[in-house]
Amino acid sequence: MAALMLWCVTVVALSSLACGMSKHQRDIFTSSISAQNSRRFEIGGWSVLLLSAVTAIYLKGASIGLSEWLGCISFAALAVGLLLTYHPKKLLQANVIAAALFGLLLILSLI
């Protein structure tokens, strides 16, 4: 269950990084966003990726945690890449679904 939670977090982080790239902004958003908002997306994406890596290392140790994190980020990149290729307008909806799934899994793990 922890790997699925980690995957949800990395999907949101990679989506945020994609939203910060000018070539994807035309596909994702209906209107252009400012350079300041673009920078915020980039900072947010890198921060969440770093936080997820640190959390995985803390919970599972350096070797297992980093291996699991790299696996999750690989599958998250695949999901975000496919969304950007075939349905870029649905990327924000996918982030809402990933965040809701993360919240549900977090509640289930705490019970």
PDB file of N, CA and C in Angstrom:
ATOM      1  N   MET A   1       0.827  -1.185   0.000  1.00  0.00           N
ATOM      2  CA  MET A   1       0.000   0.000   0.000  1.00  0.00           C
ATOM      3  C   MET A   1       0.874   1.252   0.000  1.00  0.00           C
ATOM      4  N   ALA A   2       2.043   1.165   0.630  1.00  0.00           N
ATOM      5  CA  ALA A   2       2.945   2.317   0.670  1.00  0.00           C
ATOM      6  C   ALA A   2       3.459   2.658  -0.724  1.00  0.00           C
ATOM      7  N   ALA A   3       3.676   1.647  -1.547  1.00  0.00           N
ATOM      8  CA  ALA A   3       4.160   1.907  -2.908  1.00  0.00           C
ATOM      9  C   ALA A   3       3.099   2.630  -3.732  1.00  0.00           C
ATOM     10  N   LEU A   4       1.847   2.265  -3.555  1.00  0.00           N
ATOM     11  CA  LEU A   4       0.775   2.942  -4.280  1.00  0.00           C
ATOM     12  C   LEU A   4       0.620   4.384  -3.807  1.00  0.00           C
ATOM     13  N   MET A   5       0.790   4.599  -2.509  1.00  0.00           N
ATOM     14  CA  MET A   5       0.748   5.969  -1.989  1.00  0.00           C
ATOM     15  C   MET A   5       1.910   6.785  -2.556  1.00  0.00           C
ATOM     16  N   LEU A   6       3.078   6.183  -2.617  1.00  0.00           N
ATOM     17  CA  LEU A   6       4.245   6.862  -3.176  1.00  0.00           C
ATOM     18  C   LEU A   6       4.037   7.169  -4.655  1.00  0.00           C
ATOM     19  N   TRP A   7       3.402   6.248  -5.374  1.00  0.00           N
ATOM     20  CA  TRP A   7       3.106   6.474  -6.784  1.00  0.00           C
ATOM     21  C   TRP A   7       2.167   7.664  -6.960  1.00  0.00           C
ATOM     22  N   CYS A   8       1.156   7.766  -6.113  1.00  0.00           N
ATOM     23  CA  CYS A   8       0.219   8.894  -6.192  1.00  0.00           C
ATOM     24  C   CYS A   8       0.945  10.219  -5.990  1.00  0.00           C
ATOM     25  N   VAL A   9       1.844  10.255  -5.031  1.00  0.00           N
ATOM     26  CA  VAL A   9       2.586  11.487  -4.754  1.00  0.00           C
ATOM     27  C   VAL A   9       3.495  11.845  -5.928  1.00  0.00           C
ATOM     28  N   THR A  10       4.156  10.861  -6.503  1.00  0.00           N
ATOM     29  CA  THR A  10       5.062  11.159  -7.609  1.00  0.00           C
ATOM     30  C   THR A  10       4.302  11.539  -8.880  1.00  0.00           C
ATOM     31  N   VAL A  11       3.099  11.031  -9.064  1.00  0.00           N
ATOM     32  CA  VAL A  11       2.278  11.461 -10.201  1.00  0.00           C
ATOM     33  C   VAL A  11       1.971  12.947 -10.085  1.00  0.00           C
ATOM     34  N   VAL A  12       1.584  13.375  -8.897  1.00  0.00           N
ATOM     35  CA  VAL A  12       1.279  14.793  -8.687  1.00  0.00           C
ATOM     36  C   VAL A  12       2.536  15.641  -8.882  1.00  0.00           C
ATOM     37  N   ALA A  13       3.667  15.168  -8.389  1.00  0.00           N
ATOM     38  CA  ALA A  13       4.914  15.931  -8.523  1.00  0.00           C
ATOM     39  C   ALA A  13       5.341  16.056  -9.985  1.00  0.00           C
ATOM     40  N   LEU A  14       5.294  14.966 -10.721  1.00  0.00           N
ATOM     41  CA  LEU A  14       5.691  15.021 -12.127  1.00  0.00           C
ATOM     42  C   LEU A  14       4.699  15.825 -12.958  1.00  0.00           C
ATOM     43  N   SER A  15       3.440  15.777 -12.597  1.00  0.00           N
ATOM     44  CA  SER A  15       2.447  16.610 -13.282  1.00  0.00           C
ATOM     45  C   SER A  15       2.715  18.081 -13.032  1.00  0.00           C
ATOM     46  N   SER A  16       3.114  18.395 -11.819  1.00  0.00           N
ATOM     47  CA  SER A  16       3.447  19.779 -11.496  1.00  0.00           C
ATOM     48  C   SER A  16       4.660  20.241 -12.299  1.00  0.00           C
ATOM     49  N   LEU A  17       5.645  19.379 -12.438  1.00  0.00           N
ATOM     50  CA  LEU A  17       6.807  19.724 -13.263  1.00  0.00           C
ATOM     51  C   LEU A  17       6.406  19.922 -14.724  1.00  0.00           C
ATOM     52  N   ALA A  18       5.495  19.091 -15.215  1.00  0.00           N
ATOM     53  CA  ALA A  18       5.029  19.246 -16.595  1.00  0.00           C
ATOM     54  C   ALA A  18       4.267  20.557 -16.771  1.00  0.00           C
ATOM     55  N   CYS A  19       3.508  20.948 -15.758  1.00  0.00           N
ATOM     56  CA  CYS A  19       2.771  22.216 -15.830  1.00  0.00           C
ATOM     57  C   CYS A  19       3.721  23.403 -15.840  1.00  0.00           C
ATOM     58  N   GLY A  20       4.906  23.239 -15.330  1.00  0.00           N
ATOM     59  CA  GLY A  20       5.889  24.308 -15.333  1.00  0.00           C
ATOM     60  C   GLY A  20       6.640  24.447 -16.646  1.00  0.00           C
ATOM     61  N   MET A  21       6.515  23.469 -17.539  1.00  0.00           N
ATOM     62  CA  MET A  21       7.218  23.516 -18.825  1.00  0.00           C
ATOM     63  C   MET A  21       6.352  24.219 -19.863  1.00  0.00           C
ATOM     64  N   SER A  22       6.946  25.157 -20.574  1.00  0.00           N
ATOM     65  CA  SER A  22       6.169  25.982 -21.510  1.00  0.00           C
ATOM     66  C   SER A  22       5.546  25.163 -22.643  1.00  0.00           C
ATOM     67  N   LYS A  23       6.216  24.118 -23.103  1.00  0.00           N
ATOM     68  CA  LYS A  23       5.647  23.355 -24.214  1.00  0.00           C
ATOM     69  C   LYS A  23       4.417  22.547 -23.790  1.00  0.00           C
ATOM     70  N   HIS A  24       4.316  22.197 -22.517  1.00  0.00           N
ATOM     71  CA  HIS A  24       3.140  21.469 -22.048  1.00  0.00           C
ATOM     72  C   HIS A  24       2.032  22.404 -21.598  1.00  0.00           C
ATOM     73  N   GLN A  25       2.363  23.633 -21.268  1.00  0.00           N
ATOM     74  CA  GLN A  25       1.349  24.576 -20.800  1.00  0.00           C
ATOM     75  C   GLN A  25       0.305  24.841 -21.872  1.00  0.00           C
ATOM     76  N   ARG A  26       0.726  24.890 -23.126  1.00  0.00           N
ATOM     77  CA  ARG A  26      -0.230  25.114 -24.218  1.00  0.00           C
ATOM     78  C   ARG A  26      -1.243  23.985 -24.299  1.00  0.00           C
ATOM     79  N   ASP A  27      -0.816  22.773 -23.972  1.00  0.00           N
ATOM     80  CA  ASP A  27      -1.709  21.621 -24.069  1.00  0.00           C
ATOM     81  C   ASP A  27      -2.590  21.458 -22.836  1.00  0.00           C
ATOM     82  N   ILE A  28      -2.056  21.786 -21.672  1.00  0.00           N
ATOM     83  CA  ILE A  28      -2.762  21.528 -20.417  1.00  0.00           C
ATOM     84  C   ILE A  28      -3.780  22.616 -20.105  1.00  0.00           C
ATOM     85  N   PHE A  29      -3.367  23.869 -20.226  1.00  0.00           N
ATOM     86  CA  PHE A  29      -4.208  24.993 -19.819  1.00  0.00           C
ATOM     87  C   PHE A  29      -4.872  25.632 -21.032  1.00  0.00           C
ATOM     88  N   THR A  30      -6.028  26.253 -20.791  1.00  0.00           N
ATOM     89  CA  THR A  30      -6.720  26.931 -21.885  1.00  0.00           C
ATOM     90  C   THR A  30      -6.099  28.290 -22.184  1.00  0.00           C
ATOM     91  N   SER A  31      -5.543  28.942 -21.181  1.00  0.00           N
ATOM     92  CA  SER A  31      -4.866  30.224 -21.389  1.00  0.00           C
ATOM     93  C   SER A  31      -3.442  30.119 -20.846  1.00  0.00           C
ATOM     94  N   SER A  32      -2.600  31.025 -21.297  1.00  0.00           N
ATOM     95  CA  SER A  32      -1.208  30.971 -20.850  1.00  0.00           C
ATOM     96  C   SER A  32      -1.098  31.413 -19.391  1.00  0.00           C
ATOM     97  N   ILE A  33      -0.115  30.866 -18.703  1.00  0.00           N
ATOM     98  CA  ILE A  33       0.095  31.232 -17.305  1.00  0.00           C
ATOM     99  C   ILE A  33       1.350  32.093 -17.215  1.00  0.00           C
ATOM    100  N   SER A  34       1.443  32.825 -16.138  1.00  0.00           N
ATOM    101  CA  SER A  34       2.568  33.744 -15.976  1.00  0.00           C
ATOM    102  C   SER A  34       3.859  32.978 -15.677  1.00  0.00           C
ATOM    103  N   ALA A  35       4.965  33.659 -15.854  1.00  0.00           N
ATOM    104  CA  ALA A  35       6.268  33.055 -15.565  1.00  0.00           C
ATOM    105  C   ALA A  35       6.404  32.752 -14.081  1.00  0.00           C
ATOM    106  N   GLN A  36       5.784  33.574 -13.257  1.00  0.00           N
ATOM    107  CA  GLN A  36       5.838  33.352 -11.810  1.00  0.00           C
ATOM    108  C   GLN A  36       5.085  32.072 -11.433  1.00  0.00           C
ATOM    109  N   ASN A  37       3.912  31.855 -12.023  1.00  0.00           N
ATOM    110  CA  ASN A  37       3.170  30.624 -11.744  1.00  0.00           C
ATOM    111  C   ASN A  37       3.894  29.406 -12.305  1.00  0.00           C
ATOM    112  N   SER A  38       4.535  29.575 -13.440  1.00  0.00           N
ATOM    113  CA  SER A  38       5.312  28.486 -14.014  1.00  0.00           C
ATOM    114  C   SER A  38       6.446  28.090 -13.073  1.00  0.00           C
ATOM    115  N   ARG A  39       7.103  29.077 -12.514  1.00  0.00           N
ATOM    116  CA  ARG A  39       8.188  28.818 -11.550  1.00  0.00           C
ATOM    117  C   ARG A  39       7.644  28.145 -10.300  1.00  0.00           C
ATOM    118  N   ARG A  40       6.456  28.540  -9.860  1.00  0.00           N
ATOM    119  CA  ARG A  40       5.838  27.902  -8.683  1.00  0.00           C
ATOM    120  C   ARG A  40       5.551  26.427  -8.937  1.00  0.00           C
ATOM    121  N   PHE A  41       5.076  26.109 -10.138  1.00  0.00           N
ATOM    122  CA  PHE A  41       4.852  24.703 -10.480  1.00  0.00           C
ATOM    123  C   PHE A  41       6.158  23.918 -10.413  1.00  0.00           C
ATOM    124  N   GLU A  42       7.222  24.486 -10.940  1.00  0.00           N
ATOM    125  CA  GLU A  42       8.518  23.805 -10.925  1.00  0.00           C
ATOM    126  C   GLU A  42       9.023  23.594  -9.503  1.00  0.00           C
ATOM    127  N   ILE A  43       8.973  24.630  -8.700  1.00  0.00           N
ATOM    128  CA  ILE A  43       9.444  24.522  -7.310  1.00  0.00           C
ATOM    129  C   ILE A  43       8.598  23.521  -6.537  1.00  0.00           C
ATOM    130  N   GLY A  44       7.284  23.571  -6.735  1.00  0.00           N
ATOM    131  CA  GLY A  44       6.400  22.622  -6.059  1.00  0.00           C
ATOM    132  C   GLY A  44       6.672  21.188  -6.470  1.00  0.00           C
ATOM    133  N   GLY A  45       6.869  20.959  -7.759  1.00  0.00           N
ATOM    134  CA  GLY A  45       7.142  19.610  -8.243  1.00  0.00           C
ATOM    135  C   GLY A  45       8.438  19.044  -7.696  1.00  0.00           C
ATOM    136  N   TRP A  46       9.506  19.848  -7.748  1.00  0.00           N
ATOM    137  CA  TRP A  46      10.789  19.372  -7.217  1.00  0.00           C
ATOM    138  C   TRP A  46      10.725  19.165  -5.708  1.00  0.00           C
ATOM    139  N   SER A  47      10.003  20.035  -5.015  1.00  0.00           N
ATOM    140  CA  SER A  47       9.886  19.895  -3.555  1.00  0.00           C
ATOM    141  C   SER A  47       9.158  18.615  -3.178  1.00  0.00           C
ATOM    142  N   VAL A  48       8.074  18.319  -3.882  1.00  0.00           N
ATOM    143  CA  VAL A  48       7.314  17.098  -3.583  1.00  0.00           C
ATOM    144  C   VAL A  48       8.135  15.862  -3.932  1.00  0.00           C
ATOM    145  N   LEU A  49       8.876  15.895  -5.039  1.00  0.00           N
ATOM    146  CA  LEU A  49       9.739  14.757  -5.380  1.00  0.00           C
ATOM    147  C   LEU A  49      10.810  14.530  -4.323  1.00  0.00           C
ATOM    148  N   LEU A  50      11.435  15.606  -3.872  1.00  0.00           N
ATOM    149  CA  LEU A  50      12.463  15.493  -2.838  1.00  0.00           C
ATOM    150  C   LEU A  50      11.865  14.976  -1.536  1.00  0.00           C
ATOM    151  N   LEU A  51      10.716  15.492  -1.168  1.00  0.00           N
ATOM    152  CA  LEU A  51      10.052  15.049   0.058  1.00  0.00           C
ATOM    153  C   LEU A  51       9.652  13.579  -0.027  1.00  0.00           C
ATOM    154  N   SER A  52       9.188  13.146  -1.191  1.00  0.00           N
ATOM    155  CA  SER A  52       8.812  11.737  -1.332  1.00  0.00           C
ATOM    156  C   SER A  52      10.035  10.827  -1.256  1.00  0.00           C
ATOM    157  N   ALA A  53      11.158  11.258  -1.816  1.00  0.00           N
ATOM    158  CA  ALA A  53      12.384  10.456  -1.734  1.00  0.00           C
ATOM    159  C   ALA A  53      12.871  10.356  -0.297  1.00  0.00           C
ATOM    160  N   VAL A  54      12.868  11.470   0.406  1.00  0.00           N
ATOM    161  CA  VAL A  54      13.313  11.472   1.807  1.00  0.00           C
ATOM    162  C   VAL A  54      12.391  10.599   2.656  1.00  0.00           C
ATOM    163  N   THR A  55      11.095  10.676   2.406  1.00  0.00           N
ATOM    164  CA  THR A  55      10.140   9.857   3.160  1.00  0.00           C
ATOM    165  C   THR A  55      10.353   8.372   2.888  1.00  0.00           C
ATOM    166  N   ALA A  56      10.565   8.010   1.627  1.00  0.00           N
ATOM    167  CA  ALA A  56      10.805   6.601   1.295  1.00  0.00           C
ATOM    168  C   ALA A  56      12.082   6.092   1.947  1.00  0.00           C
ATOM    169  N   ILE A  57      13.125   6.904   1.947  1.00  0.00           N
ATOM    170  CA  ILE A  57      14.383   6.508   2.586  1.00  0.00           C
ATOM    171  C   ILE A  57      14.198   6.379   4.088  1.00  0.00           C
ATOM    172  N   TYR A  58      13.460   7.296   4.687  1.00  0.00           N
ATOM    173  CA  TYR A  58      13.246   7.261   6.134  1.00  0.00           C
ATOM    174  C   TYR A  58      12.446   6.026   6.545  1.00  0.00           C
ATOM    175  N   LEU A  59      11.415   5.692   5.781  1.00  0.00           N
ATOM    176  CA  LEU A  59      10.539   4.584   6.164  1.00  0.00           C
ATOM    177  C   LEU A  59      11.129   3.210   5.862  1.00  0.00           C
ATOM    178  N   LYS A  60      11.870   3.077   4.762  1.00  0.00           N
ATOM    179  CA  LYS A  60      12.315   1.750   4.336  1.00  0.00           C
ATOM    180  C   LYS A  60      13.822   1.572   4.318  1.00  0.00           C
ATOM    181  N   GLY A  61      14.575   2.606   4.647  1.00  0.00           N
ATOM    182  CA  GLY A  61      16.029   2.515   4.568  1.00  0.00           C
ATOM    183  C   GLY A  61      16.517   2.988   3.207  1.00  0.00           C
ATOM    184  N   ALA A  62      17.815   3.212   3.117  1.00  0.00           N
ATOM    185  CA  ALA A  62      18.369   3.808   1.900  1.00  0.00           C
ATOM    186  C   ALA A  62      18.243   2.887   0.688  1.00  0.00           C
ATOM    187  N   SER A  63      18.588   1.625   0.829  1.00  0.00           N
ATOM    188  CA  SER A  63      18.604   0.752  -0.348  1.00  0.00           C
ATOM    189  C   SER A  63      17.195   0.412  -0.827  1.00  0.00           C
ATOM    190  N   ILE A  64      16.349  -0.047   0.064  1.00  0.00           N
ATOM    191  CA  ILE A  64      14.982  -0.415  -0.318  1.00  0.00           C
ATOM    192  C   ILE A  64      14.165   0.824  -0.647  1.00  0.00           C
ATOM    193  N   GLY A  65      14.306   1.870   0.143  1.00  0.00           N
ATOM    194  CA  GLY A  65      13.525   3.085  -0.065  1.00  0.00           C
ATOM    195  C   GLY A  65      13.808   3.737  -1.408  1.00  0.00           C
ATOM    196  N   LEU A  66      15.088   3.870  -1.752  1.00  0.00           N
ATOM    197  CA  LEU A  66      15.427   4.474  -3.046  1.00  0.00           C
ATOM    198  C   LEU A  66      15.010   3.594  -4.214  1.00  0.00           C
ATOM    199  N   SER A  67      15.140   2.287  -4.055  1.00  0.00           N
ATOM    200  CA  SER A  67      14.719   1.381  -5.126  1.00  0.00           C
ATOM    201  C   SER A  67      13.219   1.476  -5.352  1.00  0.00           C
ATOM    202  N   GLU A  68      12.462   1.495  -4.270  1.00  0.00           N
ATOM    203  CA  GLU A  68      11.010   1.616  -4.389  1.00  0.00           C
ATOM    204  C   GLU A  68      10.626   2.975  -4.974  1.00  0.00           C
ATOM    205  N   TRP A  69      11.324   4.015  -4.552  1.00  0.00           N
ATOM    206  CA  TRP A  69      11.037   5.357  -5.055  1.00  0.00           C
ATOM    207  C   TRP A  69      11.316   5.449  -6.556  1.00  0.00           C
ATOM    208  N   LEU A  70      12.440   4.886  -6.997  1.00  0.00           N
ATOM    209  CA  LEU A  70      12.763   4.914  -8.423  1.00  0.00           C
ATOM    210  C   LEU A  70      11.759   4.111  -9.248  1.00  0.00           C
ATOM    211  N   GLY A  71      11.307   2.989  -8.710  1.00  0.00           N
ATOM    212  CA  GLY A  71      10.277   2.218  -9.404  1.00  0.00           C
ATOM    213  C   GLY A  71       8.974   2.986  -9.517  1.00  0.00           C
ATOM    214  N   CYS A  72       8.574   3.619  -8.427  1.00  0.00           N
ATOM    215  CA  CYS A  72       7.326   4.391  -8.440  1.00  0.00           C
ATOM    216  C   CYS A  72       7.424   5.595  -9.358  1.00  0.00           C
ATOM    217  N   ILE A  73       8.566   6.258  -9.352  1.00  0.00           N
ATOM    218  CA  ILE A  73       8.713   7.437 -10.209  1.00  0.00           C
ATOM    219  C   ILE A  73       8.750   7.026 -11.684  1.00  0.00           C
ATOM    220  N   SER A  74       9.253   5.840 -11.973  1.00  0.00           N
ATOM    221  CA  SER A  74       9.261   5.364 -13.360  1.00  0.00           C
ATOM    222  C   SER A  74       7.846   5.129 -13.866  1.00  0.00           C
ATOM    223  N   PHE A  75       7.031   4.462 -13.064  1.00  0.00           N
ATOM    224  CA  PHE A  75       5.648   4.217 -13.476  1.00  0.00           C
ATOM    225  C   PHE A  75       4.821   5.500 -13.467  1.00  0.00           C
ATOM    226  N   ALA A  76       5.139   6.415 -12.569  1.00  0.00           N
ATOM    227  CA  ALA A  76       4.444   7.704 -12.561  1.00  0.00           C
ATOM    228  C   ALA A  76       4.799   8.500 -13.812  1.00  0.00           C
ATOM    229  N   ALA A  77       6.061   8.457 -14.223  1.00  0.00           N
ATOM    230  CA  ALA A  77       6.467   9.152 -15.446  1.00  0.00           C
ATOM    231  C   ALA A  77       5.773   8.552 -16.666  1.00  0.00           C
ATOM    232  N   LEU A  78       5.599   7.247 -16.665  1.00  0.00           N
ATOM    233  CA  LEU A  78       4.877   6.598 -17.752  1.00  0.00           C
ATOM    234  C   LEU A  78       3.431   7.085 -17.801  1.00  0.00           C
ATOM    235  N   ALA A  79       2.785   7.134 -16.646  1.00  0.00           N
ATOM    236  CA  ALA A  79       1.389   7.579 -16.595  1.00  0.00           C
ATOM    237  C   ALA A  79       1.248   9.035 -17.028  1.00  0.00           C
ATOM    238  N   VAL A  80       2.111   9.897 -16.526  1.00  0.00           N
ATOM    239  CA  VAL A  80       2.042  11.320 -16.882  1.00  0.00           C
ATOM    240  C   VAL A  80       2.386  11.510 -18.358  1.00  0.00           C
ATOM    241  N   GLY A  81       3.367  10.786 -18.847  1.00  0.00           N
ATOM    242  CA  GLY A  81       3.730  10.885 -20.259  1.00  0.00           C
ATOM    243  C   GLY A  81       2.604  10.451 -21.180  1.00  0.00           C
ATOM    244  N   LEU A  82       1.933   9.367 -20.829  1.00  0.00           N
ATOM    245  CA  LEU A  82       0.800   8.923 -21.641  1.00  0.00           C
ATOM    246  C   LEU A  82      -0.350   9.920 -21.586  1.00  0.00           C
ATOM    247  N   LEU A  83      -0.596  10.470 -20.407  1.00  0.00           N
ATOM    248  CA  LEU A  83      -1.645  11.487 -20.301  1.00  0.00           C
ATOM    249  C   LEU A  83      -1.305  12.721 -21.128  1.00  0.00           C
ATOM    250  N   LEU A  84      -0.065  13.167 -21.077  1.00  0.00           N
ATOM    251  CA  LEU A  84       0.331  14.342 -21.853  1.00  0.00           C
ATOM    252  C   LEU A  84       0.261  14.079 -23.352  1.00  0.00           C
ATOM    253  N   THR A  85       0.484  12.849 -23.756  1.00  0.00           N
ATOM    254  CA  THR A  85       0.453  12.523 -25.173  1.00  0.00           C
ATOM    255  C   THR A  85      -0.968  12.418 -25.710  1.00  0.00           C
ATOM    256  N   TYR A  86      -1.830  11.718 -24.988  1.00  0.00           N
ATOM    257  CA  TYR A  86      -3.144  11.411 -25.530  1.00  0.00           C
ATOM    258  C   TYR A  86      -4.280  12.267 -24.976  1.00  0.00           C
ATOM    259  N   HIS A  87      -4.214  12.682 -23.717  1.00  0.00           N
ATOM    260  CA  HIS A  87      -5.280  13.485 -23.108  1.00  0.00           C
ATOM    261  C   HIS A  87      -4.688  14.559 -22.202  1.00  0.00           C
ATOM    262  N   PRO A  88      -4.007  15.557 -22.744  1.00  0.00           N
ATOM    263  CA  PRO A  88      -3.347  16.550 -21.881  1.00  0.00           C
ATOM    264  C   PRO A  88      -4.318  17.375 -21.040  1.00  0.00           C
ATOM    265  N   LYS A  89      -5.535  17.585 -21.526  1.00  0.00           N
ATOM    266  CA  LYS A  89      -6.510  18.372 -20.758  1.00  0.00           C
ATOM    267  C   LYS A  89      -6.990  17.626 -19.516  1.00  0.00           C
ATOM    268  N   LYS A  90      -6.821  16.319 -19.487  1.00  0.00           N
ATOM    269  CA  LYS A  90      -7.278  15.517 -18.351  1.00  0.00           C
ATOM    270  C   LYS A  90      -6.208  15.338 -17.281  1.00  0.00           C
ATOM    271  N   LEU A  91      -5.065  15.985 -17.446  1.00  0.00           N
ATOM    272  CA  LEU A  91      -3.975  15.848 -16.480  1.00  0.00           C
ATOM    273  C   LEU A  91      -4.374  16.384 -15.110  1.00  0.00           C
ATOM    274  N   LEU A  92      -5.059  17.503 -15.084  1.00  0.00           N
ATOM    275  CA  LEU A  92      -5.471  18.079 -13.803  1.00  0.00           C
ATOM    276  C   LEU A  92      -6.510  17.195 -13.116  1.00  0.00           C
ATOM    277  N   GLN A  93      -7.407  16.591 -13.894  1.00  0.00           N
ATOM    278  CA  GLN A  93      -8.377  15.657 -13.319  1.00  0.00           C
ATOM    279  C   GLN A  93      -7.675  14.421 -12.764  1.00  0.00           C
ATOM    280  N   ALA A  94      -6.655  13.963 -13.445  1.00  0.00           N
ATOM    281  CA  ALA A  94      -5.896  12.807 -12.963  1.00  0.00           C
ATOM    282  C   ALA A  94      -5.188  13.131 -11.658  1.00  0.00           C
ATOM    283  N   ASN A  95      -4.738  14.374 -11.502  1.00  0.00           N
ATOM    284  CA  ASN A  95      -4.109  14.776 -10.242  1.00  0.00           C
ATOM    285  C   ASN A  95      -5.107  14.761  -9.097  1.00  0.00           C
ATOM    286  N   VAL A  96      -6.324  15.183  -9.363  1.00  0.00           N
ATOM    287  CA  VAL A  96      -7.360  15.147  -8.326  1.00  0.00           C
ATOM    288  C   VAL A  96      -7.643  13.704  -7.929  1.00  0.00           C
ATOM    289  N   ILE A  97      -7.713  12.817  -8.907  1.00  0.00           N
ATOM    290  CA  ILE A  97      -7.956  11.402  -8.616  1.00  0.00           C
ATOM    291  C   ILE A  97      -6.790  10.808  -7.832  1.00  0.00           C
ATOM    292  N   ALA A  98      -5.559  11.133  -8.219  1.00  0.00           N
ATOM    293  CA  ALA A  98      -4.383  10.618  -7.504  1.00  0.00           C
ATOM    294  C   ALA A  98      -4.338  11.141  -6.075  1.00  0.00           C
ATOM    295  N   ALA A  99      -4.685  12.409  -5.882  1.00  0.00           N
ATOM    296  CA  ALA A  99      -4.695  12.973  -4.528  1.00  0.00           C
ATOM    297  C   ALA A  99      -5.791  12.339  -3.681  1.00  0.00           C
ATOM    298  N   ALA A 100      -6.957  12.091  -4.278  1.00  0.00           N
ATOM    299  CA  ALA A 100      -8.043  11.443  -3.540  1.00  0.00           C
ATOM    300  C   ALA A 100      -7.673  10.007  -3.183  1.00  0.00           C
ATOM    301  N   LEU A 101      -7.038   9.301  -4.112  1.00  0.00           N
ATOM    302  CA  LEU A 101      -6.594   7.933  -3.835  1.00  0.00           C
ATOM    303  C   LEU A 101      -5.549   7.917  -2.729  1.00  0.00           C
ATOM    304  N   PHE A 102      -4.637   8.887  -2.758  1.00  0.00           N
ATOM    305  CA  PHE A 102      -3.638   8.996  -1.697  1.00  0.00           C
ATOM    306  C   PHE A 102      -4.312   9.220  -0.347  1.00  0.00           C
ATOM    307  N   GLY A 103      -5.275  10.121  -0.288  1.00  0.00           N
ATOM    308  CA  GLY A 103      -5.985  10.385   0.963  1.00  0.00           C
ATOM    309  C   GLY A 103      -6.720   9.158   1.471  1.00  0.00           C
ATOM    310  N   LEU A 104      -7.369   8.438   0.567  1.00  0.00           N
ATOM    311  CA  LEU A 104      -8.085   7.222   0.951  1.00  0.00           C
ATOM    312  C   LEU A 104      -7.120   6.165   1.476  1.00  0.00           C
ATOM    313  N   LEU A 105      -6.000   5.984   0.803  1.00  0.00           N
ATOM    314  CA  LEU A 105      -5.013   5.000   1.259  1.00  0.00           C
ATOM    315  C   LEU A 105      -4.380   5.408   2.583  1.00  0.00           C
ATOM    316  N   LEU A 106      -4.194   6.699   2.775  1.00  0.00           N
ATOM    317  CA  LEU A 106      -3.647   7.182   4.040  1.00  0.00           C
ATOM    318  C   LEU A 106      -4.608   6.896   5.183  1.00  0.00           C
ATOM    319  N   ILE A 107      -5.882   7.139   4.961  1.00  0.00           N
ATOM    320  CA  ILE A 107      -6.888   6.856   5.992  1.00  0.00           C
ATOM    321  C   ILE A 107      -6.933   5.362   6.283  1.00  0.00           C
ATOM    322  N   LEU A 108      -6.896   4.541   5.231  1.00  0.00           N
ATOM    323  CA  LEU A 108      -6.932   3.093   5.436  1.00  0.00           C
ATOM    324  C   LEU A 108      -5.695   2.583   6.168  1.00  0.00           C
ATOM    325  N   SER A 109      -4.555   3.186   5.909  1.00  0.00           N
ATOM    326  CA  SER A 109      -3.338   2.729   6.586  1.00  0.00           C
ATOM    327  C   SER A 109      -3.303   3.160   8.050  1.00  0.00           C
ATOM    328  N   LEU A 110      -3.997   4.229   8.377  1.00  0.00           N
ATOM    329  CA  LEU A 110      -4.021   4.695   9.761  1.00  0.00           C
ATOM    330  C   LEU A 110      -5.053   3.964  10.613  1.00  0.00           C
ATOM    331  N   ILE A 111      -5.982   3.300   9.971  1.00  0.00           N
ATOM    332  CA  ILE A 111      -7.026   2.566  10.722  1.00  0.00           C
ATOM    333  C   ILE A 111      -6.462   1.299  11.308  1.00  0.00           C
TER     334      ILE A 111
END
